[in-house]
Amino acid sequence: MTSDNVRKMIRKFVSQRPRNTAEIANWLEGMSELANMQGDISGVLESDSSIVRIGTIRRSGISGREYPLSEWATEEWVAHHERAKPIKEE
């Protein structure tokens, strides 16, 4: 499967709600056609202009992972859930 197809599948997966890198990796491992996928998941996510890193997750017990544990979402999800900027009164 090409990296473009993988990106499209991941984009659809994170469009439902933000997912962290470990969730995405586990989801990919569970898919039979992607079970042998080798590569940098963060690199695939960063190379897609419609997927954005919205934060980093820090939990005990996850150190030593080969990829950073970041949270990812689509630009559409971020735009829809973005807080309105407060109006400053002077």
Protein backbone atom coordinates (compact mmCIF):
# COMPACT_ATOMS: atom_id res chain seq x y z
CA MET A 1 0.00 0.00 0.00
CA THR A 2 1.35 3.42 -0.91
CA SER A 3 2.05 6.10 1.66
CA ASP A 4 -0.65 8.27 0.04
CA ASN A 5 -3.25 5.59 0.72
CA VAL A 6 -2.00 5.19 4.29
CA ARG A 7 -2.24 8.97 4.78
CA LYS A 8 -5.82 8.98 3.48
CA MET A 9 -6.79 6.19 5.87
CA ILE A 10 -5.13 7.92 8.82
CA ARG A 11 -6.77 11.23 7.86
CA LYS A 12 -10.18 9.54 7.96
CA PHE A 13 -9.33 7.91 11.32
CA VAL A 14 -8.30 11.17 13.01
CA SER A 15 -11.16 13.17 11.46
CA GLN A 16 -13.56 11.50 13.92
CA ARG A 17 -11.66 12.84 16.94
CA PRO A 18 -8.03 13.59 17.83
CA ARG A 19 -5.83 10.51 18.30
CA ASN A 20 -2.40 10.10 19.78
CA THR A 21 0.50 8.47 17.99
CA ALA A 22 0.15 5.21 19.96
CA GLU A 23 -3.56 4.92 19.09
CA ILE A 24 -2.77 5.45 15.42
CA ALA A 25 0.06 2.88 15.53
CA ASN A 26 -2.17 0.29 17.24
CA TRP A 27 -4.95 0.94 14.75
CA LEU A 28 -2.55 0.50 11.83
CA GLU A 29 -1.14 -2.72 13.32
CA GLY A 30 -4.67 -4.11 13.60
CA MET A 31 -5.34 -3.65 9.90
CA SER A 32 -4.34 -6.74 7.92
CA GLU A 33 -3.24 -4.82 4.82
CA LEU A 34 -1.01 -2.57 6.94
CA ALA A 35 0.27 -5.15 9.44
CA ASN A 36 3.75 -5.14 7.88
CA MET A 37 3.98 -1.37 7.52
CA GLN A 38 7.38 -0.16 8.59
CA GLY A 39 8.23 3.48 8.88
CA ASP A 40 7.99 6.60 10.90
CA ILE A 41 4.36 7.23 11.78
CA SER A 42 5.12 10.79 12.89
CA GLY A 43 6.82 11.42 9.55
CA VAL A 44 3.74 10.23 7.67
CA LEU A 45 1.51 12.44 9.81
CA GLU A 46 3.77 15.49 9.52
CA SER A 47 3.96 15.16 5.75
CA ASP A 48 0.19 15.50 5.42
CA SER A 49 -0.77 19.17 5.29
CA SER A 50 -4.32 18.45 6.49
CA ILE A 51 -3.19 16.71 9.71
CA VAL A 52 -1.83 18.85 12.52
CA ARG A 53 -0.11 18.08 15.81
CA ILE A 54 -2.31 19.60 18.50
CA GLY A 55 -0.35 18.59 21.56
CA THR A 56 1.99 16.21 23.32
CA ILE A 57 0.84 13.61 25.80
CA ARG A 58 2.96 12.91 28.86
CA ARG A 59 2.04 9.83 30.86
CA SER A 60 4.14 7.55 33.02
CA GLY A 61 5.02 4.21 31.53
CA ILE A 62 5.33 5.33 27.93
CA SER A 63 8.96 6.33 27.88
CA GLY A 64 11.16 4.41 25.51
CA ARG A 65 8.71 4.57 22.63
CA GLU A 66 10.34 4.91 19.24
CA TYR A 67 7.99 7.73 18.26
CA PRO A 68 6.90 10.87 20.11
CA LEU A 69 3.48 10.51 21.71
CA SER A 70 1.70 13.46 20.17
CA GLU A 71 -1.97 14.12 19.63
CA TRP A 72 -3.11 14.60 16.04
CA ALA A 73 -6.25 15.99 14.40
CA THR A 74 -7.34 17.21 11.00
CA GLU A 75 -7.37 20.93 10.27
CA GLU A 76 -11.15 20.68 9.79
CA TRP A 77 -11.61 19.21 13.28
CA VAL A 78 -9.42 21.92 14.81
CA ALA A 79 -11.28 24.70 12.99
CA HIS A 80 -14.65 23.31 14.08
CA HIS A 81 -13.62 22.92 17.74
CA GLU A 82 -11.49 26.04 18.03
CA ARG A 83 -12.39 28.41 20.81
CA ALA A 84 -13.46 31.89 19.88
CA LYS A 85 -10.82 34.48 20.64
CA PRO A 86 -11.81 36.74 23.52
CA ILE A 87 -12.48 40.35 22.70
CA LYS A 88 -10.28 42.69 24.71
CA GLU A 89 -12.07 45.65 26.16
CA GLU A 90 -9.96 48.75 26.60
